[in-house]
Structure formats: structure tokens, C-alpha cells
Protein backbone atom coordinates (compact mmCIF):
# COMPACT_ATOMS: atom_id res chain seq x y z
CA MET A 1 -7.75 26.88 -9.37
CA LYS A 2 -4.11 26.41 -8.39
CA LEU A 3 -2.47 23.76 -6.23
CA LEU A 4 1.06 23.88 -4.88
CA ILE A 5 2.72 20.63 -3.84
CA ILE A 6 5.89 20.90 -1.73
CA ALA A 7 8.53 18.17 -1.69
CA SER A 8 11.99 17.80 -0.20
CA TYR A 9 13.53 15.53 -2.84
CA PRO A 10 13.02 16.10 -6.58
CA ALA A 11 13.63 12.45 -7.48
CA SER A 12 10.65 11.40 -5.34
CA ILE A 13 8.07 13.61 -7.04
CA LEU A 14 7.28 11.59 -10.14
CA LYS A 15 8.00 8.21 -8.54
CA PHE A 16 5.86 8.66 -5.44
CA ARG A 17 3.41 11.45 -6.33
CA GLY A 18 3.32 11.41 -10.13
CA ALA A 19 -0.08 9.72 -10.40
CA LEU A 20 -1.60 11.95 -7.71
CA ILE A 21 -0.33 15.12 -9.38
CA ALA A 22 -1.61 13.91 -12.75
CA ALA A 23 -5.06 13.28 -11.23
CA ILE A 24 -5.10 16.80 -9.76
CA HIS A 25 -4.06 18.27 -13.10
CA GLU A 26 -6.75 16.29 -14.91
CA ALA A 27 -9.29 17.72 -12.45
CA GLY A 28 -8.56 21.11 -14.02
CA PHE A 29 -5.99 22.48 -11.59
CA GLU A 30 -2.94 24.55 -12.47
CA VAL A 31 -0.21 22.57 -10.70
CA HIS A 32 2.84 24.15 -9.09
CA ILE A 33 5.66 22.08 -7.58
CA ALA A 34 8.28 23.41 -5.17
CA ALA A 35 11.38 21.49 -4.10
CA PRO A 36 15.10 22.12 -3.50
CA ASP A 37 18.04 21.30 -5.75
CA PHE A 38 16.26 20.86 -9.07
CA SER A 39 19.57 21.76 -10.74
CA GLU A 40 20.88 18.37 -9.58
CA TYR A 41 17.93 16.60 -11.22
CA PRO A 42 17.61 18.18 -14.66
CA ASP A 43 15.77 15.19 -16.15
CA GLU A 44 13.05 15.27 -13.51
CA HIS A 45 12.82 19.04 -13.85
CA GLN A 46 12.30 18.81 -17.60
CA VAL A 47 9.76 15.99 -17.40
CA LEU A 48 7.67 17.93 -14.90
CA LYS A 49 7.71 21.00 -17.14
CA ASP A 50 6.85 18.91 -20.21
CA LEU A 51 3.82 17.59 -18.32
CA GLY A 52 2.58 21.15 -17.99
CA TYR A 53 3.48 21.76 -14.35
CA HIS A 54 5.09 24.93 -12.98
CA VAL A 55 8.34 24.07 -11.22
CA HIS A 56 9.94 26.20 -8.49
CA ASP A 57 13.39 25.66 -6.97
CA ILE A 58 13.49 26.62 -3.29
CA ALA A 59 16.14 26.65 -0.58
CA MET A 60 15.62 23.70 1.74
CA GLN A 61 17.91 21.34 3.62
CA ARG A 62 16.51 17.84 3.21
CA THR A 63 18.42 16.87 6.35
CA GLY A 64 20.02 19.12 8.93
CA THR A 65 18.67 21.50 11.53
CA ASN A 66 20.23 24.88 10.84
CA PRO A 67 17.61 27.39 12.14
CA ARG A 68 18.79 30.15 9.82
CA LYS A 69 18.47 27.95 6.75
CA ASP A 70 15.08 26.65 7.87
CA LEU A 71 13.87 30.23 8.38
CA ARG A 72 15.00 30.99 4.84
CA THR A 73 12.87 28.07 3.63
CA ILE A 74 9.76 29.54 5.29
CA ILE A 75 10.47 32.98 3.83
CA GLU A 76 10.99 31.61 0.31
CA LEU A 77 7.82 29.52 0.49
CA TYR A 78 5.84 32.51 1.78
CA ARG A 79 7.12 34.70 -1.05
CA LEU A 80 6.34 32.00 -3.60
CA MET A 81 2.80 31.61 -2.29
CA THR A 82 2.10 35.34 -2.25
CA LYS A 83 3.31 35.45 -5.86
CA ILE A 84 1.39 32.50 -7.34
CA LYS A 85 -1.59 32.64 -4.91
CA PRO A 86 -2.43 28.91 -4.71
CA ASP A 87 -5.89 27.81 -3.62
CA TYR A 88 -4.51 24.56 -2.20
CA VAL A 89 -1.16 23.60 -0.65
CA LEU A 90 -0.09 20.00 -0.01
CA GLY A 91 3.24 19.21 1.68
CA TYR A 92 4.74 15.77 2.24
CA THR A 93 7.73 14.66 4.33
CA ILE A 94 8.77 16.52 7.47
CA LYS A 95 10.10 19.90 6.33
CA PRO A 96 7.57 20.50 3.54
CA VAL A 97 4.76 19.67 5.98
CA ILE A 98 6.08 21.91 8.75
CA TYR A 99 7.46 24.88 6.84
CA GLY A 100 5.03 24.60 3.94
CA SER A 101 1.99 24.61 6.23
CA LEU A 102 3.27 27.52 8.34
CA ALA A 103 4.12 29.56 5.24
CA ALA A 104 0.71 28.76 3.73
CA LYS A 105 -1.02 30.04 6.87
CA LEU A 106 0.99 33.26 6.75
CA ALA A 107 0.16 33.63 3.05
CA ARG A 108 -3.54 33.01 3.79
CA VAL A 109 -3.86 30.05 1.47
CA PRO A 110 -7.51 28.89 1.67
CA HIS A 111 -6.88 25.13 1.82
CA ILE A 112 -3.85 23.53 3.50
CA PHE A 113 -3.20 19.78 3.62
CA ALA A 114 -0.38 17.62 5.02
CA LEU A 115 0.64 14.10 4.07
CA ILE A 116 2.63 12.19 6.70
CA THR A 117 4.60 9.60 4.73
CA GLY A 118 6.77 8.36 7.60
CA LEU A 119 8.16 9.57 10.89
CA GLY A 120 11.95 9.24 10.61
CA TYR A 121 14.52 10.41 13.13
CA ALA A 122 12.19 12.97 14.75
CA PHE A 123 10.25 10.07 16.30
CA SER A 124 13.03 7.55 16.84
CA GLY A 125 12.25 5.57 19.99
CA ALA A 126 8.90 7.30 20.54
CA GLU A 127 7.07 4.07 21.34
CA GLU A 128 9.75 2.52 23.54
CA VAL A 129 9.34 2.23 27.31
CA GLY A 130 11.02 5.11 29.13
CA TYR A 131 11.27 7.20 25.96
CA LYS A 132 12.86 10.59 26.53
CA LYS A 133 12.83 13.18 23.79
CA SER A 134 16.08 14.76 22.71
CA ASN A 135 16.10 18.55 22.54
CA LEU A 136 15.92 18.31 18.76
CA GLN A 137 12.93 15.99 18.95
CA LYS A 138 11.16 18.37 21.34
CA VAL A 139 11.58 21.22 18.88
CA MET A 140 10.48 19.10 15.91
CA HIS A 141 7.37 17.89 17.75
CA GLN A 142 6.42 21.45 18.72
CA LEU A 143 6.88 22.63 15.15
CA TYR A 144 4.85 19.69 13.85
CA ALA A 145 2.02 20.49 16.28
CA ALA A 146 1.99 24.15 15.28
CA ALA A 147 2.04 23.30 11.58
CA LEU A 148 -0.75 20.74 11.73
CA LEU A 149 -3.00 23.23 13.51
CA THR A 150 -3.01 25.26 10.29
CA THR A 151 -4.24 22.38 8.12
CA ASP A 152 -7.70 21.48 6.88
CA LYS A 153 -6.83 17.79 7.03
CA VAL A 154 -3.84 15.53 7.72
CA PHE A 155 -3.33 12.35 5.72
CA PHE A 156 -1.53 9.43 7.35
CA GLN A 157 -0.33 6.31 5.56
CA ASN A 158 -0.99 3.95 8.44
CA PRO A 159 -3.18 4.01 11.56
CA ASP A 160 -0.24 3.64 13.96
CA ASP A 161 1.26 6.99 12.95
CA GLN A 162 -2.13 8.66 13.31
CA ALA A 163 -2.59 7.15 16.78
CA LEU A 164 0.92 8.18 17.88
CA PHE A 165 0.40 11.79 16.77
CA LYS A 166 -2.85 11.91 18.74
CA LYS A 167 -1.31 10.28 21.82
CA MET A 168 1.63 12.71 21.84
CA GLY A 169 -0.65 15.71 21.40
CA ILE A 170 0.90 16.64 18.06
CA LEU A 171 -2.41 16.15 16.26
CA LYS A 172 -5.07 18.08 18.12
CA PRO A 173 -8.68 16.80 18.32
CA SER A 174 -9.80 19.86 16.34
CA THR A 175 -7.71 18.89 13.28
CA PRO A 176 -9.38 16.38 10.92
CA SER A 177 -7.27 13.45 9.79
CA THR A 178 -7.66 10.27 7.79
CA VAL A 179 -5.64 7.19 6.81
CA VAL A 180 -4.94 6.24 3.19
CA ASN A 181 -3.32 3.04 1.91
CA GLY A 182 0.14 4.48 1.37
CA SER A 183 1.07 6.07 -1.93
CA GLY A 184 -0.48 3.19 -3.83
CA VAL A 185 1.11 1.36 -6.72
CA ASN A 186 0.34 1.31 -10.43
CA VAL A 187 -0.56 -2.35 -10.84
CA SER A 188 -0.45 -1.99 -14.63
CA GLU A 189 3.06 -0.54 -14.70
CA TYR A 190 4.31 -3.03 -12.10
CA SER A 191 2.96 -6.15 -13.77
CA VAL A 192 3.67 -9.74 -12.76
CA ALA A 193 7.15 -10.91 -13.77
CA PRO A 194 8.13 -14.59 -14.19
CA LEU A 195 9.95 -16.03 -11.20
CA PRO A 196 13.57 -17.16 -11.55
CA LEU A 197 13.42 -20.94 -12.00
CA GLU A 198 15.74 -23.90 -11.88
CA ASN A 199 14.35 -27.20 -13.19
CA ASP A 200 10.91 -25.55 -13.17
CA VAL A 201 11.18 -24.84 -9.43
CA PRO A 202 11.36 -21.23 -8.09
CA VAL A 203 14.84 -20.27 -6.94
CA PRO A 204 15.05 -18.52 -3.54
CA ARG A 205 16.68 -15.17 -4.26
CA PHE A 206 16.20 -12.33 -1.82
CA LEU A 207 16.12 -8.57 -2.46
CA LEU A 208 16.13 -5.43 -0.32
CA ILE A 209 15.69 -1.96 -1.80
CA ALA A 210 16.25 0.93 0.62
CA ARG A 211 18.26 3.94 1.58
CA LEU A 212 21.16 2.41 3.49
CA LEU A 213 20.01 3.39 6.97
CA GLY A 214 20.07 1.39 10.16
CA ALA A 215 16.33 1.95 10.63
CA LYS A 216 15.63 0.28 7.29
CA GLY A 217 16.91 -2.98 8.78
CA VAL A 218 19.87 -3.20 6.43
CA ARG A 219 22.15 -4.57 9.13
CA GLU A 220 19.62 -7.27 10.04
CA TYR A 221 19.40 -8.18 6.36
CA ALA A 222 23.19 -8.65 6.19
CA GLN A 223 23.20 -10.61 9.47
CA ALA A 224 20.42 -12.90 8.25
CA ALA A 225 22.28 -13.36 4.95
CA ALA A 226 25.34 -14.51 6.87
CA MET A 227 23.27 -17.06 8.80
CA ILE A 228 21.60 -18.41 5.68
CA LYS A 229 24.82 -18.57 3.66
CA SER A 230 26.48 -20.64 6.38
CA ARG A 231 23.87 -23.33 5.63
CA TYR A 232 22.94 -22.59 2.01
CA PRO A 233 26.01 -20.99 0.36
CA SER A 234 24.43 -20.62 -3.09
CA VAL A 235 21.48 -18.44 -1.98
CA GLN A 236 21.82 -14.89 -3.30
CA PHE A 237 21.01 -11.69 -1.45
CA ASP A 238 20.66 -8.59 -3.62
CA LEU A 239 20.83 -5.08 -2.17
CA VAL A 240 19.73 -1.94 -3.99
CA GLY A 241 20.29 1.47 -2.41
CA TRP A 242 22.76 4.17 -1.57
CA VAL A 243 24.65 5.57 1.41
CA ASP A 244 22.47 8.41 2.65
CA ASP A 245 23.47 11.72 4.23
CA ASN A 246 21.80 10.89 7.52
CA PRO A 247 22.94 10.36 11.14
CA ASP A 248 21.58 6.80 10.90
CA ALA A 249 23.39 5.96 7.65
CA ILE A 250 25.29 2.72 7.14
CA GLU A 251 28.98 3.56 6.80
CA GLN A 252 30.72 2.83 3.51
CA ARG A 253 33.27 0.57 5.22
CA GLU A 254 30.42 -1.53 6.64
CA LEU A 255 28.87 -1.93 3.21
CA ASP A 256 32.25 -2.78 1.70
CA ALA A 257 32.77 -5.50 4.31
CA TRP A 258 29.44 -7.14 3.42
CA ILE A 259 30.36 -7.07 -0.25
CA ASP A 260 33.89 -8.40 0.34
CA ASP A 261 32.52 -11.22 2.53
CA GLY A 262 30.12 -12.21 -0.24
CA LEU A 263 27.03 -11.62 1.90
CA VAL A 264 25.28 -9.25 -0.49
CA ASN A 265 25.29 -8.56 -4.18
CA PHE A 266 25.25 -4.75 -4.16
CA LEU A 267 23.53 -3.21 -7.19
CA GLY A 268 23.82 0.44 -6.13
CA LYS A 269 21.15 3.04 -6.74
CA LEU A 270 18.77 2.18 -9.58
CA ASN A 271 16.44 4.57 -11.38
CA ASP A 272 14.29 1.61 -12.40
CA VAL A 273 13.95 -1.16 -9.81
CA LYS A 274 11.67 -3.40 -11.88
CA PRO A 275 14.53 -5.52 -13.34
CA ALA A 276 15.92 -6.10 -9.83
CA ILE A 277 12.49 -7.18 -8.57
CA ALA A 278 12.06 -9.44 -11.60
CA ASP A 279 15.40 -11.12 -10.86
CA SER A 280 14.36 -11.80 -7.26
CA SER A 281 11.83 -14.26 -5.86
CA VAL A 282 11.25 -12.87 -2.35
CA TYR A 283 11.30 -9.22 -1.30
CA VAL A 284 12.63 -8.33 2.16
CA LEU A 285 12.20 -5.11 4.14
CA PRO A 286 13.22 -5.42 7.83
CA SER A 287 12.40 -1.74 8.52
CA TYR A 288 11.80 -0.44 12.03
CA ARG A 289 8.90 1.77 10.88
CA GLU A 290 7.42 3.09 7.64
CA GLY A 291 4.54 5.19 6.36
CA THR A 292 3.61 2.46 3.93
CA PRO A 293 6.69 1.10 2.11
CA ARG A 294 6.42 1.76 -1.62
CA THR A 295 9.04 -0.85 -2.54
CA VAL A 296 6.98 -3.55 -0.84
CA LEU A 297 3.92 -2.53 -2.87
CA GLU A 298 5.94 -2.62 -6.10
CA ALA A 299 7.32 -6.07 -5.31
CA MET A 300 3.84 -7.35 -4.41
CA ALA A 301 2.39 -5.98 -7.65
CA MET A 302 5.07 -7.88 -9.55
CA GLY A 303 4.06 -11.12 -7.83
CA ARG A 304 6.72 -11.37 -5.15
CA ALA A 305 6.25 -12.80 -1.66
CA VAL A 306 7.35 -10.44 1.10
CA ILE A 307 9.15 -10.70 4.41
CA THR A 308 8.81 -7.54 6.47
CA THR A 309 8.53 -6.51 10.10
CA ASN A 310 5.52 -6.41 12.36
CA ALA A 311 6.03 -2.65 12.57
CA PRO A 312 3.82 0.34 11.78
CA GLY A 313 3.35 0.73 8.05
CA CYS A 314 5.02 -2.57 7.23
CA ARG A 315 2.43 -4.82 8.83
CA GLU A 316 -0.33 -3.24 6.73
CA THR A 317 1.16 -4.86 3.62
CA VAL A 318 1.44 -8.51 4.68
CA ILE A 319 -1.09 -11.03 5.92
CA ASP A 320 1.24 -13.34 7.81
CA GLY A 321 1.41 -16.76 6.15
CA HIS A 322 -0.68 -15.60 3.17
CA ASN A 323 1.44 -13.28 1.01
CA GLY A 324 4.57 -13.43 3.14
CA TYR A 325 5.80 -13.36 6.72
CA LEU A 326 5.97 -10.76 9.47
CA VAL A 327 8.98 -10.85 11.80
CA PRO A 328 9.86 -8.83 14.92
CA VAL A 329 11.83 -5.61 14.50
CA LYS A 330 15.62 -5.89 14.98
CA ASP A 331 15.48 -9.70 15.01
CA ALA A 332 17.95 -11.13 12.48
CA ASP A 333 17.35 -14.68 13.77
CA ALA A 334 13.61 -14.48 13.05
CA LEU A 335 14.36 -12.91 9.67
CA ALA A 336 16.67 -15.79 8.74
CA GLU A 337 14.07 -18.29 9.93
CA ALA A 338 11.45 -16.73 7.63
CA MET A 339 13.91 -16.80 4.73
CA GLU A 340 14.65 -20.45 5.35
CA LYS A 341 10.96 -21.33 4.92
CA PHE A 342 11.19 -20.27 1.27
CA ILE A 343 14.43 -22.19 0.82
CA THR A 344 13.13 -25.48 2.23
CA ASP A 345 9.71 -25.12 0.59
CA PRO A 346 10.22 -23.16 -2.66
CA GLU A 347 6.61 -23.76 -3.74
CA LEU A 348 5.71 -21.06 -1.21
CA ILE A 349 7.44 -18.53 -3.45
CA ALA A 350 4.89 -18.85 -6.25
CA LYS A 351 1.90 -19.37 -3.94
CA MET A 352 2.58 -16.34 -1.78
CA GLY A 353 3.71 -14.27 -4.76
CA CYS A 354 0.34 -14.81 -6.40
CA ALA A 355 -1.41 -13.81 -3.16
CA ALA A 356 0.77 -10.70 -2.92
CA ARG A 357 -0.30 -9.55 -6.38
CA GLN A 358 -3.95 -9.91 -5.38
CA VAL A 359 -3.44 -7.87 -2.18
CA ALA A 360 -1.74 -5.14 -4.21
CA MET A 361 -4.69 -4.95 -6.60
CA ASP A 362 -7.39 -5.14 -3.93
CA LYS A 363 -5.92 -2.75 -1.36
CA PHE A 364 -3.16 -0.61 -2.83
CA ASP A 365 -4.17 0.30 -6.40
CA VAL A 366 -2.89 3.85 -6.91
CA ASN A 367 -6.06 5.04 -8.63
CA ALA A 368 -8.21 4.11 -5.65
CA VAL A 369 -5.76 5.70 -3.20
CA ASN A 370 -5.61 8.94 -5.19
CA GLN A 371 -9.37 9.09 -5.64
CA MET A 372 -9.78 8.95 -1.87
CA MET A 373 -7.27 11.78 -1.38
CA LEU A 374 -8.94 13.99 -3.99
CA THR A 375 -12.33 13.37 -2.42
CA GLU A 376 -11.05 14.16 1.08
CA MET A 377 -9.44 17.38 -0.23
CA GLY A 378 -12.69 18.44 -1.87
CA ILE A 379 -11.16 18.36 -5.35
CA GLN A 380 -13.59 15.68 -6.60
């Protein structure tokens, strides 16, 4: 049996799907992986090949809406599928789900699955009062609806996304769907790290890891840092990430201003975020919406309290007042208020960090998440 997994970003494959792919391979499947721009990620390419997977470079714009280039993606995927004849196809993120599913239907692949890991720009503002779709959003929603009709099952990473797709008519009643607890986290790999201490008391040190997009709440993080630093100048705010090629991206000059003003300690893009998490005491993600945020799960597994938003995907990770705090979306004042609780009562850092580790083990263990997906796909 053969399974083809389609991704839009080579660097995400091992990090976010490595354990799932390994479980599929261990179940006896010949695994094929298709993604664009593998030439820019030679290390990932080689590791995937060394693991025994078949790797295919395809033409795909990760962002952008050029119809001619998107048509080329469908054609290349169709040709690939007719060549390798997979029994199963699984796409994740927008373009692999849409174009991968449509190509799989054309190629008469027996089993087609989609994993919705987040909604992104195509659904920006979808739950706001008076929401009006842009022309681009109308097209994306129609394509999504057509693609999901071809699938045997759609996996969502939080119930809010599933409900929204049903409400908007993108997920038809005839298409089975289920919710899984995100991508999961390897609680053995992300083990508990000692907290930074001063005189045996945890030191409040905040961390955000994200693509530098407005919708990740990066601006609110910087605004809250400014508020806190006006009262507690020594508190440190670390920022890990990179300026993304996206209409919602933070501009370089904006980032430079935060750095120059001493608001954030910018660490850039890191291949391994564990040292940054270990150096922090509280993880912060003020995102407007997520599938289920992987960085939050990693920080929780390492014993870090979390401040995140009461938004789809984010709120699934935190029990307010137990392993962290939930704050309203786009509310820098509330974010700063939550941060200040850890500053004025640093014992909360260890208490909530311990609770966060337990939530990660009980709810988000990657092996349990993957087992559910394999079962739902009929692989085990």
C-alpha cells in the first residue's frame, strides 16, 4: 500500500508531521511526500530520503493566487499520482488540501483525506458581525467546498473550525469529519526544563515564537511589553520568528523599532526552539486564531505556563487559571494584566508550569493523536 502526503512547506514536514509519517510507515506503507522548493531545504530532503520515504518536488506557490501557477500545481500532482498510484492521499494546509484533493479525485485515488491545520487569510474576519467576503475569499471558499466533497474524511484540529466550515456550507453534511487534538507533541522529546531562577524564585521571562504576522498577535505582544517595561524595566521579552512573505506580515522597520526601543529581545528564526523555551518561564501566544498551536504544546510539555487568547484553537490548550491565562483577542491591556500576575506572584510560574506539563501529557501526546488519525483513516 502507498500513501502520498502533500505539504506546502518542506521545513514543516518533519517538525509537524514526522511522527505521523513514521507511524504510517511502520504500519507497512510505502510513503511518498510531495512539496515545493525542496532544493532550498537540502537537509530536510536528505533526512526524509534516509528515513526511507520517496520525496517529490512539485511546483506550488505557498502564498499567492496566480491561477496559472495553481493550475500547474494540479496538473503536476495529477501526473505524480497517475505515476505512483497511491492508495491514500493526505493533504494539509490550504493549497495541498484543495489542489491535492482535486488532483486525487481526477487520478481516481481510492482514499482521500484532508487535514485542516488552521484557516489563515482565506477566513480572515469570517466570524465578525457584518462579515463580507472578498472576491479572493469567495473563490477560496468555493474551491475548498469542491475539494472537501472529494474526501473520505476531513480532520480538524479544533471544534470551532469544524463548526465554521459547516455553518458556511464549505463542509457538506455528506462529508465525514472529526476533530483531533492538534498535531500533538512528543512529551519525551520536549521534556521538562528547569525554570530560570533568582534566589531560588522563578524569574518572569516571556517568550513568543511565531511567524511575524499581525494575526499571530505579535503587535499586541510588543504593546504589552511596552506597558510592562514602563513598570518593571528588567523583565525580558524574547521573540523568535521571521518576517514572512504574507500580506499580513509585520514590516521589518516595525520589528527594528521594537528592538531599538528595547521592547523585545529578537532571536530570529531557530531550527531548535527548545533552548529558547528553556530560557523562558512563561510562553505567550496572542494569536487571533489557530488550528491548535504547536509552539504552545511544546512549551507546555517543557513545563511552561501559557498566556494565550480565548480564540479558536488557542483556548483548547489552556484551562484559565490552571495552566495559564486566556485573554481576549487584540487586547494588549488584558495581555499585560495577565503577564503582571506572574511578575507580582512568581510562584504561579512553577505551579502553572507543572499543570501545563500534565495537560500536555493527558491531552496532546503525539502518539495518542496519531493513533486516532490512523484509526479514522482505516490504516489501523
